[in-house]
């Protein structure tokens, strides 16, 4: 899968060897999210190569050129609230009500008020596409204060982390409709997130939060704060990953018809060089043979531009 992408450099055809210093911003693709990438190109003399600084927007879609799934291991245990240990015992409605302080859901501890642990087979209309189970933080009491749920995964102080989670509403029934909202607590700081759904049926939206760990364990807590319909506030698909640094091109050398690209790498990952001639039209294509396995340090890939080399754009894609 293609997961990490770095926009690299636009190089004009040259008749003599020259060194280039390239700066670029890498990103991790996310489904449905447009990411702007600013990039500049300068020669060793500080002159622009092929144009001024520019910005390009990418939008990743499911099934598109970049798979919208982070390859990193999820540090959260049972982020989709599945019945991993056979501890789910449904009531007559097909759901399970859990009081504050419960550890029935593998990996999680409930708090503040009762919540509902629900499968897609319950008599109620809310459903999830993140596995078979999800949470309703309004519980059966359907009044504020709503429920909370927490976990304390292992983290490394000083390291950067990326948290994502999904909020849900069911727009076909007024009692289950959004907007809905939660308060996320990390490192003793609170962050409020509101999901204003549009359309009909079951709606889910993913939210993200980046932070730097200060302890060996970071408590991740979700507390329900808003349920406009009064009787449903969906939570699912909690993912916590340690950030990895995307590769960045550090140097490009044009030696005759050969373009030597030097870039930082991710150990064990396959790095591909892709190119296109125009950012306004067309797509990115992998250059045959321009591939290398990352070492964790700076590596080099040689691109043979041929005798009729022309201006082009290049980037590094990482396949896991």
Protein backbone atom coordinates (compact mmCIF):
# COMPACT_ATOMS: atom_id res chain seq x y z
CA UNK A 1 0.00 0.00 0.00
CA UNK A 2 1.13 3.54 -0.60
CA UNK A 3 0.95 5.37 2.68
CA UNK A 4 3.49 8.15 3.09
CA UNK A 5 4.13 10.67 0.35
CA UNK A 6 6.68 13.42 -0.07
CA UNK A 7 6.43 15.96 -2.87
CA UNK A 8 9.95 16.44 -4.04
CA UNK A 9 11.30 18.60 -6.83
CA UNK A 10 10.75 20.07 -10.26
CA UNK A 11 13.97 19.88 -12.27
CA UNK A 12 14.61 21.63 -15.57
CA UNK A 13 16.77 19.89 -18.16
CA UNK A 14 20.37 20.98 -17.87
CA UNK A 15 23.33 20.69 -20.19
CA UNK A 16 25.83 20.56 -17.32
CA UNK A 17 25.96 18.92 -13.92
CA UNK A 18 24.44 21.00 -11.11
CA UNK A 19 23.52 20.54 -7.46
CA UNK A 20 20.08 21.37 -6.13
CA UNK A 21 18.79 21.85 -2.61
CA UNK A 22 15.15 20.84 -2.26
CA UNK A 23 12.71 21.42 0.55
CA UNK A 24 9.30 19.80 0.73
CA UNK A 25 6.56 18.91 3.16
CA UNK A 26 5.49 15.30 3.51
CA UNK A 27 2.06 14.08 4.58
CA UNK A 28 0.21 10.92 5.49
CA UNK A 29 -2.84 10.42 3.33
CA UNK A 30 -6.27 10.40 4.96
CA UNK A 31 -9.49 9.43 3.23
CA UNK A 32 -11.51 12.42 2.10
CA UNK A 33 -9.11 14.98 3.51
CA UNK A 34 -7.39 17.49 1.25
CA UNK A 35 -3.77 18.14 2.18
CA UNK A 36 -1.89 21.15 0.85
CA UNK A 37 1.82 20.71 0.25
CA UNK A 38 4.12 23.69 -0.08
CA UNK A 39 7.34 23.12 -1.94
CA UNK A 40 10.23 25.19 -3.19
CA UNK A 41 13.18 24.50 -5.42
CA UNK A 42 16.46 26.41 -5.35
CA UNK A 43 19.84 25.89 -6.96
CA UNK A 44 23.05 25.89 -4.98
CA UNK A 45 23.24 29.58 -5.93
CA UNK A 46 19.83 30.33 -4.45
CA UNK A 47 18.07 30.64 -7.81
CA UNK A 48 14.69 29.00 -8.41
CA UNK A 49 14.53 25.87 -10.54
CA UNK A 50 11.66 25.75 -13.01
CA UNK A 51 9.49 28.32 -11.25
CA UNK A 52 8.55 29.92 -7.97
CA UNK A 53 7.29 28.22 -4.85
CA UNK A 54 3.97 26.48 -5.36
CA UNK A 55 1.24 24.63 -3.54
CA UNK A 56 -0.45 21.42 -4.59
CA UNK A 57 -3.57 19.91 -3.07
CA UNK A 58 -4.10 16.17 -2.86
CA UNK A 59 -7.32 14.47 -1.90
CA UNK A 60 -7.25 10.82 -1.00
CA UNK A 61 -10.34 8.70 -1.56
CA UNK A 62 -11.04 5.09 -0.59
CA UNK A 63 -9.81 2.88 -3.41
CA UNK A 64 -7.78 5.70 -4.89
CA UNK A 65 -4.04 5.85 -5.48
CA UNK A 66 -3.21 6.03 -1.77
CA UNK A 67 -4.73 3.58 0.68
CA UNK A 68 -6.20 5.69 3.52
CA UNK A 69 -4.98 3.47 6.33
CA UNK A 70 -2.02 4.23 8.54
CA UNK A 71 0.24 1.18 8.48
CA UNK A 72 1.50 1.76 12.02
CA UNK A 73 0.44 -0.54 14.87
CA UNK A 74 -2.53 0.73 16.88
CA UNK A 75 -1.45 1.32 20.47
CA UNK A 76 -5.08 1.25 21.63
CA UNK A 77 -6.38 -2.14 22.72
CA UNK A 78 -9.68 -2.97 21.00
CA UNK A 79 -10.24 0.44 19.44
CA UNK A 80 -13.41 -0.74 17.70
CA UNK A 81 -14.97 -2.06 20.94
CA UNK A 82 -15.35 -5.65 19.76
CA UNK A 83 -16.43 -8.54 21.97
CA UNK A 84 -12.94 -10.08 22.09
CA UNK A 85 -13.38 -12.12 25.26
CA UNK A 86 -17.03 -13.15 25.06
CA UNK A 87 -18.05 -10.67 27.79
CA UNK A 88 -20.99 -9.23 25.86
CA UNK A 89 -24.36 -10.39 27.18
CA UNK A 90 -27.24 -8.60 25.44
CA UNK A 91 -30.50 -7.58 27.04
CA UNK A 92 -33.88 -7.80 25.33
CA UNK A 93 -32.96 -4.97 22.98
CA UNK A 94 -29.77 -6.70 21.89
CA UNK A 95 -27.42 -4.25 23.67
CA UNK A 96 -25.54 -4.28 26.98
CA UNK A 97 -25.75 -1.46 29.53
CA UNK A 98 -22.55 -0.89 31.53
CA UNK A 99 -22.25 1.19 34.73
CA UNK A 100 -19.37 3.56 35.59
CA UNK A 101 -16.21 1.70 36.57
CA UNK A 102 -16.93 -1.30 34.34
CA UNK A 103 -14.04 -3.10 32.60
CA UNK A 104 -16.32 -5.46 30.68
CA UNK A 105 -15.28 -4.09 27.28
CA UNK A 106 -11.78 -5.50 26.69
CA UNK A 107 -9.15 -2.78 27.11
CA UNK A 108 -11.50 -0.09 28.39
CA UNK A 109 -12.84 1.39 31.65
CA UNK A 110 -16.15 3.24 31.74
CA UNK A 111 -16.82 6.36 33.81
CA UNK A 112 -19.20 9.16 34.91
CA UNK A 113 -22.45 7.48 33.81
CA UNK A 114 -23.81 4.34 32.21
CA UNK A 115 -23.22 3.64 28.53
CA UNK A 116 -24.58 1.22 25.98
CA UNK A 117 -22.31 -1.33 24.27
CA UNK A 118 -24.12 -2.09 21.03
CA UNK A 119 -23.74 -4.53 18.13
CA UNK A 120 -25.04 -4.04 14.62
CA UNK A 121 -27.72 -6.64 15.38
CA UNK A 122 -29.61 -4.68 18.08
CA UNK A 123 -33.25 -3.63 17.70
CA UNK A 124 -32.16 0.02 17.40
CA UNK A 125 -31.28 1.59 14.06
CA UNK A 126 -27.74 2.96 14.73
CA UNK A 127 -25.07 0.89 13.01
CA UNK A 128 -21.30 1.02 12.48
CA UNK A 129 -19.04 0.02 9.60
CA UNK A 130 -15.99 -0.23 11.91
CA UNK A 131 -16.40 -3.88 12.86
CA UNK A 132 -19.49 -5.24 14.63
CA UNK A 133 -19.71 -3.16 17.83
CA UNK A 134 -19.79 0.51 18.86
CA UNK A 135 -20.68 2.66 21.87
CA UNK A 136 -23.61 4.92 22.70
CA UNK A 137 -22.40 7.37 25.32
CA UNK A 138 -25.95 8.51 26.18
CA UNK A 139 -26.60 5.09 27.72
CA UNK A 140 -30.14 4.17 28.68
CA UNK A 141 -30.52 7.25 30.88
CA UNK A 142 -30.34 9.57 27.83
CA UNK A 143 -29.48 12.63 29.91
CA UNK A 144 -26.37 14.66 30.67
CA UNK A 145 -23.94 13.97 32.16
CA UNK A 146 -23.20 11.36 29.54
CA UNK A 147 -20.78 8.46 29.85
CA UNK A 148 -17.01 8.46 29.51
CA UNK A 149 -14.57 5.71 28.59
CA UNK A 150 -10.80 5.60 28.93
CA UNK A 151 -7.62 3.62 28.37
CA UNK A 152 -3.94 4.21 29.23
CA UNK A 153 -1.73 2.89 26.39
CA UNK A 154 2.06 2.79 26.66
CA UNK A 155 3.82 5.83 25.21
CA UNK A 156 7.37 7.18 25.09
CA UNK A 157 7.93 10.61 26.65
CA UNK A 158 8.94 13.16 24.03
CA UNK A 159 7.60 11.13 21.10
CA UNK A 160 4.82 12.40 18.83
CA UNK A 161 1.51 10.55 18.53
CA UNK A 162 -1.58 10.73 16.32
CA UNK A 163 -5.03 9.94 17.75
CA UNK A 164 -8.10 9.36 15.59
CA UNK A 165 -11.66 8.35 16.42
CA UNK A 166 -15.12 8.39 14.86
CA UNK A 167 -18.35 9.98 16.07
CA UNK A 168 -21.70 8.70 14.89
CA UNK A 169 -25.34 9.76 14.51
CA UNK A 170 -28.42 8.25 12.90
CA UNK A 171 -30.22 10.89 10.85
CA UNK A 172 -33.38 8.92 10.05
CA UNK A 173 -34.76 9.17 13.59
CA UNK A 174 -35.01 12.48 15.47
CA UNK A 175 -34.04 10.89 18.78
CA UNK A 176 -30.72 9.67 17.32
CA UNK A 177 -29.82 12.72 15.23
CA UNK A 178 -26.76 14.93 15.56
CA UNK A 179 -24.93 17.13 16.07
CA UNK A 180 -23.10 15.05 18.64
CA UNK A 181 -19.91 15.83 20.54
CA UNK A 182 -17.25 14.48 22.88
CA UNK A 183 -14.54 15.90 25.10
CA UNK A 184 -11.17 14.19 24.66
CA UNK A 185 -8.68 14.38 27.51
CA UNK A 186 -4.98 13.83 26.81
CA UNK A 187 -2.05 14.82 29.03
CA UNK A 188 -4.52 16.62 31.34
CA UNK A 189 -5.70 18.81 28.46
CA UNK A 190 -9.23 18.74 27.10
CA UNK A 191 -10.29 19.07 23.47
CA UNK A 192 -13.92 19.29 22.33
CA UNK A 193 -15.08 17.80 19.02
CA UNK A 194 -18.52 18.30 17.42
CA UNK A 195 -19.91 16.25 14.53
CA UNK A 196 -22.72 18.01 12.56
CA UNK A 197 -23.89 15.21 10.24
CA UNK A 198 -25.53 15.79 6.88
CA UNK A 199 -27.59 13.46 4.75
CA UNK A 200 -29.63 10.50 5.91
CA UNK A 201 -29.06 7.21 7.68
CA UNK A 202 -26.06 6.26 9.77
CA UNK A 203 -23.34 8.89 9.56
CA UNK A 204 -19.79 8.68 10.94
CA UNK A 205 -16.98 11.19 10.85
CA UNK A 206 -13.34 10.71 11.83
CA UNK A 207 -11.55 13.30 13.97
CA UNK A 208 -7.84 13.52 14.71
CA UNK A 209 -5.59 14.97 17.38
CA UNK A 210 -1.78 15.13 17.52
CA UNK A 211 0.18 15.36 20.77
CA UNK A 212 3.56 14.72 22.34
CA UNK A 213 3.68 12.21 25.20
CA UNK A 214 5.10 13.23 28.56
CA UNK A 215 4.60 9.95 30.46
CA UNK A 216 5.22 6.25 29.96
CA UNK A 217 1.43 5.78 29.85
CA UNK A 218 -0.97 8.34 28.41
CA UNK A 219 -4.58 8.27 29.58
CA UNK A 220 -6.92 8.67 26.60
CA UNK A 221 -10.43 9.59 27.70
CA UNK A 222 -13.66 10.29 25.79
CA UNK A 223 -16.58 11.97 27.54
CA UNK A 224 -19.93 12.61 25.88
CA UNK A 225 -20.91 16.29 25.93
CA UNK A 226 -23.55 16.72 23.21
CA UNK A 227 -26.40 14.57 21.89
CA UNK A 228 -28.87 16.78 20.04
CA UNK A 229 -31.42 14.00 19.54
CA UNK A 230 -31.03 13.07 23.19
CA UNK A 231 -30.71 9.32 22.81
CA UNK A 232 -27.59 8.52 20.81
CA UNK A 233 -23.95 9.59 20.71
CA UNK A 234 -21.88 7.09 18.76
CA UNK A 235 -18.17 6.45 19.39
CA UNK A 236 -16.02 3.96 17.47
CA UNK A 237 -12.70 3.22 15.74
CA UNK A 238 -10.22 4.71 18.20
CA UNK A 239 -6.67 4.55 16.81
CA UNK A 240 -3.44 5.78 18.39
CA UNK A 241 -0.17 5.53 16.46
CA UNK A 242 3.31 6.88 16.98
CA UNK A 243 4.20 9.35 14.26
CA UNK A 244 6.86 8.41 11.75
CA UNK A 245 8.85 11.01 9.84
CA UNK A 246 8.03 11.02 6.11
CA UNK A 247 11.03 10.84 3.76
CA UNK A 248 12.30 14.15 2.45
CA UNK A 249 14.57 14.73 -0.51
CA UNK A 250 17.77 16.35 0.73
CA UNK A 251 19.76 16.65 -2.51
CA UNK A 252 19.27 16.23 -6.25
CA UNK A 253 22.25 16.04 -8.60
CA UNK A 254 21.91 16.18 -12.37
CA UNK A 255 24.82 14.28 -13.90
CA UNK A 256 24.40 14.29 -17.63
CA UNK A 257 21.17 12.39 -18.29
CA UNK A 258 21.07 10.97 -14.75
CA UNK A 259 19.18 12.56 -11.88
CA UNK A 260 20.58 11.42 -8.52
CA UNK A 261 17.99 11.83 -5.75
CA UNK A 262 19.17 11.60 -2.14
CA UNK A 263 16.41 11.34 0.48
CA UNK A 264 15.81 10.21 4.04
CA UNK A 265 14.18 6.81 4.31
CA UNK A 266 12.07 4.59 6.54
CA UNK A 267 13.84 1.37 7.54
CA UNK A 268 12.45 -1.70 5.79
CA UNK A 269 9.98 0.21 3.61
CA UNK A 270 10.03 0.22 -0.20
CA UNK A 271 10.62 3.69 -1.68
CA UNK A 272 9.43 4.49 -5.21
CA UNK A 273 10.24 7.50 -7.36
CA UNK A 274 7.22 8.83 -9.21
CA UNK A 275 7.05 11.56 -11.81
CA UNK A 276 4.72 13.69 -13.87
CA UNK A 277 5.31 16.46 -16.38
CA UNK A 278 2.46 18.75 -15.40
CA UNK A 279 0.85 19.38 -12.01
CA UNK A 280 -2.28 20.78 -13.61
CA UNK A 281 -3.18 17.61 -15.51
CA UNK A 282 -2.36 13.95 -15.67
CA UNK A 283 -1.28 11.69 -12.83
CA UNK A 284 1.78 10.38 -11.06
CA UNK A 285 3.55 7.39 -12.55
CA UNK A 286 6.23 5.17 -11.05
CA UNK A 287 9.57 5.26 -12.84
CA UNK A 288 10.65 1.70 -13.77
CA UNK A 289 13.69 0.62 -11.76
CA UNK A 290 13.65 3.73 -9.53
CA UNK A 291 13.06 1.80 -6.34
CA UNK A 292 15.00 1.23 -3.12
CA UNK A 293 14.57 -0.29 0.33
CA UNK A 294 14.88 2.14 3.21
CA UNK A 295 17.69 1.89 5.75
CA UNK A 296 16.46 4.50 8.21
CA UNK A 297 19.13 6.88 6.89
CA UNK A 298 19.71 8.80 3.66
CA UNK A 299 19.64 6.71 0.50
CA UNK A 300 20.08 7.46 -3.21
CA UNK A 301 18.10 6.51 -6.29
CA UNK A 302 19.30 7.26 -9.82
CA UNK A 303 16.74 8.25 -12.43
CA UNK A 304 17.87 7.98 -16.06
CA UNK A 305 16.18 10.85 -17.89
CA UNK A 306 17.51 9.89 -21.31
CA UNK A 307 19.07 12.07 -23.98
CA UNK A 308 15.94 14.22 -24.40
CA UNK A 309 15.48 15.06 -20.74
CA UNK A 310 12.71 17.55 -20.08
CA UNK A 311 11.39 19.39 -17.08
CA UNK A 312 9.40 17.24 -14.67
CA UNK A 313 8.13 16.82 -11.14
CA UNK A 314 9.36 14.03 -8.87
CA UNK A 315 8.27 12.66 -5.54
CA UNK A 316 9.04 9.77 -3.20
CA UNK A 317 6.24 7.33 -2.34
CA UNK A 318 6.58 4.74 0.39
CA UNK A 319 5.05 1.29 0.13
CA UNK A 320 4.61 -0.79 3.28
